[in-house]
Amino acid sequence: MSVRMLPVPDGLDGMRVDAGLAKLLGLSRTAVAELATAGDVLLDGAPAGKSDRLSAGGLLEVTLPEPERAEPVAAVPVDGLRVLHEDDHIVVVDKPIGVAVHPSPGWTGPTVIGGLAAAGVRISTSGAAERKGVVHRLDVGTTGVMVVAKSEHAYSVLKRAFKERTVDKGYHALVQGHPDPSKGTIDAPIDRHPKHDYKFAVVAGGRESVTHYELIEAFRAASLVRVKLETGRTHQIRVHFAALRHPCAGDLTYGADPALARRLGLARQWLHARSLGFAHPEDGRWVEFVAEYPDDLAAALERLRAER
C-alpha cells in the first residue's frame, strides 16, 4: 500500500470527490469510488464519501493498493464463441458452455477474454489486469449473451449502467416442477453458503437479491420460465429457484434431481442468458441482443415435449 497527500487545487473547488480525485490521480471514477467506499480517501483528516464536495486548499489523503502484476491474458481460440455485434465501443458475444469470462485462480480452461484476443478484438484497458473490459459475468456453466467494453468510455458507462440496474438482463431457465404462482418475484438476500464456501444460499443479512419470473411453457416434470434480474448476484437464479424447491434442471450443485438430468441429457444447469438490452455507451440509443438456445438445452426441451 502507498499513501499520497494531495492538496486540492482551485480548479477542483466544489467538484465531487470521485470526479476531482479521478483527475488528480488519472484513475477512473469507478476506481476512486471503490477507494472511498473502502475508507481509503480522507479529506482534511476525515473519511470522504465519493459524492462529498472538494474545497480549494483542502488536503486529500489517499491510500492506494500496490499495482497488480498479472500476466497478460493468453490469446487462445474458443470453439463456439460467436460475436453477435461489434463496433468501436463494444463487442457482444454468445458465450458457449464450459468457458469462463476471464482468467481466475484455479481456472485453466478457455475464457471469453482470451478467445476475443485470439480473434484480434481489441478490449478496453480498464479493469483489473486479467479482466480488462469485463463489465458483467456469466457462470462457466451458463451460456448466452454478454457484452464486453472495447473503449475506455464504454467501460465506464456500462459499469455504471450495471451498478444502477438500468440494463435489461433476460434469462430462460428450465426449473423442476411447477412454481406456484406461475408469475412472481423472489426477493431474498443471498450470501456465501454458511457450510459450503463453493456455493451460495439465501441467508438472513445477505445482499439484496431480486428475481422476477413468469412461465413460458409447462411440462410434466418441469417448467420453462422467463427470468428478469433486478440485481446481479453470483448464482442468483440458481440459488433463488433452489430456495423455492424448484432448482434448475441439471443443477446438481443446488439440489437438482440426477435422474431427470440423465433423462434430459444435461451435464449442467439448464440456464441461458437469452437477451441483453442497454443504452449504447456512445449515443445512448437502446440496443438489445438475443442468443439462441445451444444444442444441449434445445435437445432437453425436445425430450420433454416428446413425453407429453
Protein backbone atom coordinates (compact mmCIF):
# COMPACT_ATOMS: atom_id res chain seq x y z
CA MET A 1 0.00 0.00 0.00
CA SER A 2 1.12 3.59 -0.62
CA VAL A 3 -0.26 6.87 0.73
CA ARG A 4 -0.43 10.07 -1.32
CA MET A 5 -1.10 13.54 0.07
CA LEU A 6 -2.80 15.83 -2.47
CA PRO A 7 -3.72 19.50 -1.91
CA VAL A 8 -7.00 20.42 -3.63
CA PRO A 9 -6.26 22.95 -6.40
CA ASP A 10 -8.53 25.93 -7.10
CA GLY A 11 -9.78 24.35 -10.31
CA LEU A 12 -11.40 21.47 -8.40
CA ASP A 13 -13.24 23.61 -5.87
CA GLY A 14 -16.81 22.36 -5.45
CA MET A 15 -16.22 19.20 -7.52
CA ARG A 16 -17.28 15.76 -6.25
CA VAL A 17 -14.56 13.71 -4.62
CA ASP A 18 -14.76 10.91 -7.18
CA ALA A 19 -14.57 13.28 -10.15
CA GLY A 20 -11.84 15.50 -8.73
CA LEU A 21 -9.65 12.70 -7.43
CA ALA A 22 -10.00 10.83 -10.73
CA LYS A 23 -8.50 13.88 -12.46
CA LEU A 24 -5.68 14.19 -9.92
CA LEU A 25 -4.70 10.51 -10.00
CA GLY A 26 -5.56 9.61 -13.58
CA LEU A 27 -7.91 6.87 -12.40
CA SER A 28 -11.49 6.09 -13.40
CA ARG A 29 -14.28 7.49 -11.23
CA THR A 30 -15.32 3.91 -10.52
CA ALA A 31 -11.88 3.12 -9.09
CA VAL A 32 -11.94 6.25 -6.93
CA ALA A 33 -15.46 5.45 -5.70
CA GLU A 34 -14.26 2.00 -4.63
CA LEU A 35 -11.39 3.60 -2.70
CA ALA A 36 -13.80 5.97 -0.95
CA THR A 37 -16.21 3.16 -0.09
CA ALA A 38 -13.31 1.21 1.45
CA GLY A 39 -12.40 4.21 3.64
CA ASP A 40 -9.14 4.86 1.79
CA VAL A 41 -9.88 8.52 0.99
CA LEU A 42 -9.58 11.19 3.70
CA LEU A 43 -10.43 14.87 3.23
CA ASP A 44 -8.84 17.13 5.84
CA GLY A 45 -8.37 14.06 8.03
CA ALA A 46 -11.97 12.78 7.86
CA PRO A 47 -13.29 9.89 5.71
CA ALA A 48 -14.65 11.24 2.43
CA GLY A 49 -17.58 9.79 0.51
CA LYS A 50 -17.46 9.71 -3.27
CA SER A 51 -20.16 12.40 -3.55
CA ASP A 52 -18.66 14.77 -0.97
CA ARG A 53 -17.53 18.15 -2.33
CA LEU A 54 -13.94 19.35 -2.52
CA SER A 55 -12.82 22.74 -1.22
CA ALA A 56 -9.82 24.56 -2.67
CA GLY A 57 -6.91 24.37 -0.24
CA GLY A 58 -8.16 21.18 1.40
CA LEU A 59 -5.93 18.16 1.78
CA LEU A 60 -6.71 14.74 0.35
CA GLU A 61 -5.03 11.65 1.78
CA VAL A 62 -5.40 8.59 -0.42
CA THR A 63 -4.25 5.05 0.36
CA LEU A 64 -3.56 3.20 -2.88
CA PRO A 65 -3.09 -0.56 -3.29
CA GLU A 66 0.02 -1.87 -4.93
CA PRO A 67 -0.50 -2.28 -8.68
CA GLU A 68 -1.43 -5.79 -9.75
CA ARG A 69 1.21 -7.82 -11.51
CA ALA A 70 -0.99 -10.15 -13.52
CA GLU A 71 0.26 -11.98 -16.56
CA PRO A 72 -1.20 -10.90 -19.89
CA VAL A 73 -4.29 -12.86 -20.90
CA ALA A 74 -3.35 -15.72 -23.20
CA ALA A 75 -4.89 -15.38 -26.67
CA VAL A 76 -6.49 -18.82 -27.04
CA PRO A 77 -9.21 -19.53 -29.64
CA VAL A 78 -12.54 -20.63 -28.13
CA ASP A 79 -14.73 -23.08 -30.02
CA GLY A 80 -18.32 -21.90 -30.28
CA LEU A 81 -17.69 -18.31 -29.15
CA ARG A 82 -19.87 -16.25 -31.52
CA VAL A 83 -19.70 -12.49 -31.96
CA LEU A 84 -23.26 -11.14 -32.19
CA HIS A 85 -22.26 -7.50 -32.62
CA GLU A 86 -19.08 -5.44 -32.70
CA ASP A 87 -18.37 -1.74 -33.10
CA ASP A 88 -15.67 0.66 -31.88
CA HIS A 89 -17.07 0.67 -28.34
CA ILE A 90 -18.48 -2.77 -27.53
CA VAL A 91 -18.41 -6.41 -28.54
CA VAL A 92 -21.41 -8.63 -27.78
CA VAL A 93 -20.86 -12.38 -27.72
CA ASP A 94 -22.80 -15.60 -27.29
CA LYS A 95 -20.79 -17.44 -24.62
CA PRO A 96 -20.67 -21.23 -25.02
CA ILE A 97 -20.70 -23.86 -22.29
CA GLY A 98 -17.51 -24.53 -20.32
CA VAL A 99 -16.00 -21.09 -20.89
CA ALA A 100 -15.14 -18.64 -18.10
CA VAL A 101 -15.44 -14.92 -18.72
CA HIS A 102 -11.87 -14.14 -17.62
CA PRO A 103 -8.87 -15.93 -16.05
CA SER A 104 -9.00 -16.63 -12.32
CA PRO A 105 -7.01 -18.68 -9.78
CA GLY A 106 -7.57 -22.38 -10.35
CA TRP A 107 -9.19 -22.00 -13.78
CA THR A 108 -7.12 -23.39 -16.66
CA GLY A 109 -9.86 -23.63 -19.28
CA PRO A 110 -10.86 -21.26 -22.08
CA THR A 111 -12.06 -17.70 -21.44
CA VAL A 112 -14.11 -15.14 -23.32
CA ILE A 113 -11.33 -12.55 -22.98
CA GLY A 114 -8.71 -14.98 -24.29
CA GLY A 115 -10.97 -16.01 -27.17
CA LEU A 116 -11.58 -12.40 -28.18
CA ALA A 117 -7.85 -11.69 -28.03
CA ALA A 118 -7.21 -14.68 -30.30
CA ALA A 119 -9.79 -13.29 -32.74
CA GLY A 120 -7.97 -9.96 -32.83
CA VAL A 121 -10.61 -7.99 -30.91
CA ARG A 122 -9.14 -5.03 -29.01
CA ILE A 123 -10.54 -4.78 -25.49
CA SER A 124 -10.74 -1.80 -23.13
CA THR A 125 -7.67 -1.36 -20.91
CA SER A 126 -9.87 -0.52 -17.92
CA GLY A 127 -10.40 -3.01 -15.13
CA ALA A 128 -8.04 -5.41 -13.37
CA ALA A 129 -5.22 -6.78 -15.50
CA GLU A 130 -6.79 -10.21 -16.04
CA ARG A 131 -10.31 -8.96 -16.75
CA LYS A 132 -9.95 -5.83 -18.82
CA GLY A 133 -13.19 -4.67 -20.40
CA VAL A 134 -15.34 -7.03 -18.30
CA VAL A 135 -18.46 -5.25 -17.05
CA HIS A 136 -20.52 -8.33 -16.05
CA ARG A 137 -20.15 -12.10 -15.91
CA LEU A 138 -21.84 -15.42 -16.64
CA ASP A 139 -21.05 -18.65 -14.80
CA VAL A 140 -18.84 -21.19 -16.59
CA GLY A 141 -21.88 -23.46 -16.88
CA THR A 142 -24.25 -20.75 -18.14
CA THR A 143 -24.46 -19.93 -21.82
CA GLY A 144 -25.74 -16.86 -23.62
CA VAL A 145 -25.35 -13.22 -24.44
CA MET A 146 -22.91 -10.86 -22.74
CA VAL A 147 -21.17 -7.58 -23.56
CA VAL A 148 -17.52 -6.59 -23.22
CA ALA A 149 -16.27 -2.98 -23.42
CA LYS A 150 -13.77 -2.07 -26.13
CA SER A 151 -13.27 1.63 -25.30
CA GLU A 152 -12.50 3.31 -22.00
CA HIS A 153 -15.67 5.40 -22.26
CA ALA A 154 -17.79 2.30 -22.89
CA TYR A 155 -16.26 0.56 -19.87
CA SER A 156 -17.13 3.45 -17.56
CA VAL A 157 -20.67 3.88 -18.91
CA LEU A 158 -21.51 0.16 -18.87
CA LYS A 159 -20.11 -0.40 -15.37
CA ARG A 160 -22.33 2.41 -14.13
CA ALA A 161 -25.35 1.03 -16.02
CA PHE A 162 -24.98 -2.40 -14.41
CA LYS A 163 -24.46 -0.84 -10.99
CA GLU A 164 -27.53 1.40 -11.37
CA ARG A 165 -29.62 -1.52 -12.72
CA THR A 166 -30.57 0.15 -15.99
CA VAL A 167 -29.57 -2.93 -18.00
CA ASP A 168 -32.32 -5.37 -19.06
CA LYS A 169 -31.00 -8.89 -18.40
CA GLY A 170 -33.30 -11.64 -19.65
CA TYR A 171 -32.74 -15.34 -18.93
CA HIS A 172 -34.58 -18.55 -19.73
CA ALA A 173 -34.42 -21.35 -17.16
CA LEU A 174 -35.85 -24.84 -17.07
CA VAL A 175 -36.78 -25.49 -13.45
CA GLN A 176 -38.02 -28.69 -11.84
CA GLY A 177 -41.71 -28.93 -11.06
CA HIS A 178 -44.21 -26.10 -11.40
CA PRO A 179 -43.63 -22.86 -9.45
CA ASP A 180 -46.80 -21.50 -7.86
CA PRO A 181 -47.70 -18.80 -8.71
CA SER A 182 -46.66 -19.13 -12.34
CA LYS A 183 -45.59 -15.47 -12.36
CA GLY A 184 -43.94 -13.78 -9.41
CA THR A 185 -40.96 -12.17 -7.71
CA ILE A 186 -38.37 -13.78 -5.48
CA ASP A 187 -36.98 -11.21 -3.04
CA ALA A 188 -34.49 -12.97 -0.78
CA PRO A 189 -30.95 -11.95 0.32
CA ILE A 190 -28.01 -14.02 -0.95
CA ASP A 191 -24.59 -14.63 0.56
CA ARG A 192 -21.98 -17.38 0.78
CA HIS A 193 -23.40 -20.70 1.96
CA PRO A 194 -22.73 -20.98 5.71
CA LYS A 195 -21.37 -24.54 5.37
CA HIS A 196 -20.13 -24.83 1.77
CA ASP A 197 -17.90 -21.98 0.59
CA TYR A 198 -18.08 -23.06 -3.06
CA LYS A 199 -21.76 -22.14 -3.35
CA PHE A 200 -24.28 -19.51 -2.27
CA ALA A 201 -27.57 -19.54 -0.37
CA VAL A 202 -30.45 -17.40 0.81
CA VAL A 203 -29.04 -16.02 4.05
CA ALA A 204 -30.50 -13.53 6.52
CA GLY A 205 -28.43 -10.39 6.33
CA GLY A 206 -27.10 -11.25 2.86
CA ARG A 207 -27.02 -8.90 -0.12
CA GLU A 208 -30.33 -7.72 -1.56
CA SER A 209 -31.34 -10.02 -4.42
CA VAL A 210 -34.50 -9.71 -6.53
CA THR A 211 -35.57 -12.09 -9.32
CA HIS A 212 -38.74 -11.78 -11.44
CA TYR A 213 -40.08 -14.79 -13.35
CA GLU A 214 -43.02 -15.92 -15.48
CA LEU A 215 -43.99 -19.22 -17.06
CA ILE A 216 -43.27 -19.77 -20.76
CA GLU A 217 -44.12 -23.47 -21.13
CA ALA A 218 -45.12 -26.22 -18.70
CA PHE A 219 -44.13 -29.90 -18.98
CA ARG A 220 -44.96 -32.92 -16.86
CA ALA A 221 -41.83 -32.67 -14.70
CA ALA A 222 -40.54 -29.17 -15.32
CA SER A 223 -41.32 -25.60 -16.30
CA LEU A 224 -39.61 -23.28 -18.76
CA VAL A 225 -39.59 -19.79 -17.24
CA ARG A 226 -38.55 -16.34 -18.37
CA VAL A 227 -36.41 -14.58 -15.74
CA LYS A 228 -35.56 -10.91 -15.31
CA LEU A 229 -32.87 -9.94 -12.84
CA GLU A 230 -33.24 -6.75 -10.86
CA THR A 231 -29.94 -7.43 -9.10
CA GLY A 232 -26.97 -9.45 -10.29
CA ARG A 233 -25.62 -11.67 -7.52
CA THR A 234 -23.41 -14.69 -8.14
CA HIS A 235 -25.58 -17.77 -8.89
CA GLN A 236 -28.69 -15.64 -8.19
CA ILE A 237 -31.17 -17.52 -10.41
CA ARG A 238 -29.86 -20.91 -9.34
CA VAL A 239 -29.99 -20.02 -5.63
CA HIS A 240 -33.44 -18.42 -5.73
CA PHE A 241 -35.14 -21.29 -7.55
CA ALA A 242 -33.38 -23.85 -5.35
CA ALA A 243 -34.73 -21.98 -2.32
CA LEU A 244 -38.25 -22.42 -3.78
CA ARG A 245 -37.53 -26.16 -4.16
CA HIS A 246 -37.61 -25.75 -7.94
CA PRO A 247 -33.91 -25.94 -8.84
CA CYS A 248 -32.75 -25.53 -12.42
CA ALA A 249 -32.86 -28.90 -14.17
CA GLY A 250 -29.39 -30.42 -14.24
CA ASP A 251 -28.07 -28.18 -11.46
CA LEU A 252 -26.73 -30.88 -9.12
CA THR A 253 -24.85 -28.30 -7.04
CA TYR A 254 -28.16 -26.80 -5.96
CA GLY A 255 -30.20 -29.94 -5.43
CA ALA A 256 -31.49 -30.91 -8.88
CA ASP A 257 -32.65 -34.50 -9.48
CA PRO A 258 -29.81 -36.51 -11.09
CA ALA A 259 -32.30 -38.88 -12.71
CA LEU A 260 -34.05 -36.03 -14.53
CA ALA A 261 -30.70 -34.64 -15.63
CA ARG A 262 -29.73 -38.01 -17.12
CA ARG A 263 -33.10 -38.38 -18.83
CA LEU A 264 -32.72 -34.95 -20.45
CA GLY A 265 -29.06 -35.45 -21.34
CA LEU A 266 -27.97 -32.48 -19.21
CA ALA A 267 -24.41 -32.21 -17.93
CA ARG A 268 -25.02 -28.73 -16.44
CA GLN A 269 -27.80 -26.45 -15.29
CA TRP A 270 -30.48 -25.55 -17.86
CA LEU A 271 -29.91 -21.80 -17.72
CA HIS A 272 -29.36 -19.45 -20.65
CA ALA A 273 -28.78 -15.70 -20.87
CA ARG A 274 -31.35 -15.18 -23.62
CA SER A 275 -31.29 -11.40 -24.09
CA LEU A 276 -29.40 -8.30 -23.04
CA GLY A 277 -30.61 -4.72 -23.55
CA PHE A 278 -28.89 -1.48 -22.61
CA ALA A 279 -28.32 2.11 -23.69
CA HIS A 280 -25.40 2.12 -26.11
CA PRO A 281 -22.47 3.85 -24.39
CA GLU A 282 -21.67 6.01 -27.42
CA ASP A 283 -25.00 7.71 -28.16
CA GLY A 284 -27.50 6.36 -25.61
CA ARG A 285 -29.74 4.56 -28.14
CA TRP A 286 -31.36 1.41 -26.76
CA VAL A 287 -29.90 -1.80 -28.19
CA GLU A 288 -30.90 -5.39 -27.49
CA PHE A 289 -29.27 -8.68 -28.43
CA VAL A 290 -30.59 -12.26 -28.34
CA ALA A 291 -28.77 -15.59 -28.16
CA GLU A 292 -30.47 -18.78 -29.39
CA TYR A 293 -30.53 -21.94 -27.27
CA PRO A 294 -27.40 -24.10 -27.60
CA ASP A 295 -27.81 -27.70 -28.74
CA ASP A 296 -27.86 -29.36 -25.29
CA LEU A 297 -30.61 -27.09 -23.94
CA ALA A 298 -32.69 -27.31 -27.10
CA ALA A 299 -32.42 -31.12 -27.07
CA ALA A 300 -33.61 -31.26 -23.44
CA LEU A 301 -36.73 -29.28 -24.34
CA GLU A 302 -37.47 -31.58 -27.26
CA ARG A 303 -37.25 -34.62 -24.97
CA LEU A 304 -39.75 -33.03 -22.58
CA ARG A 305 -42.13 -32.16 -25.40
CA ALA A 306 -41.93 -35.75 -26.68
CA GLU A 307 -43.05 -37.02 -23.26
CA ARG A 308 -46.39 -35.21 -23.38
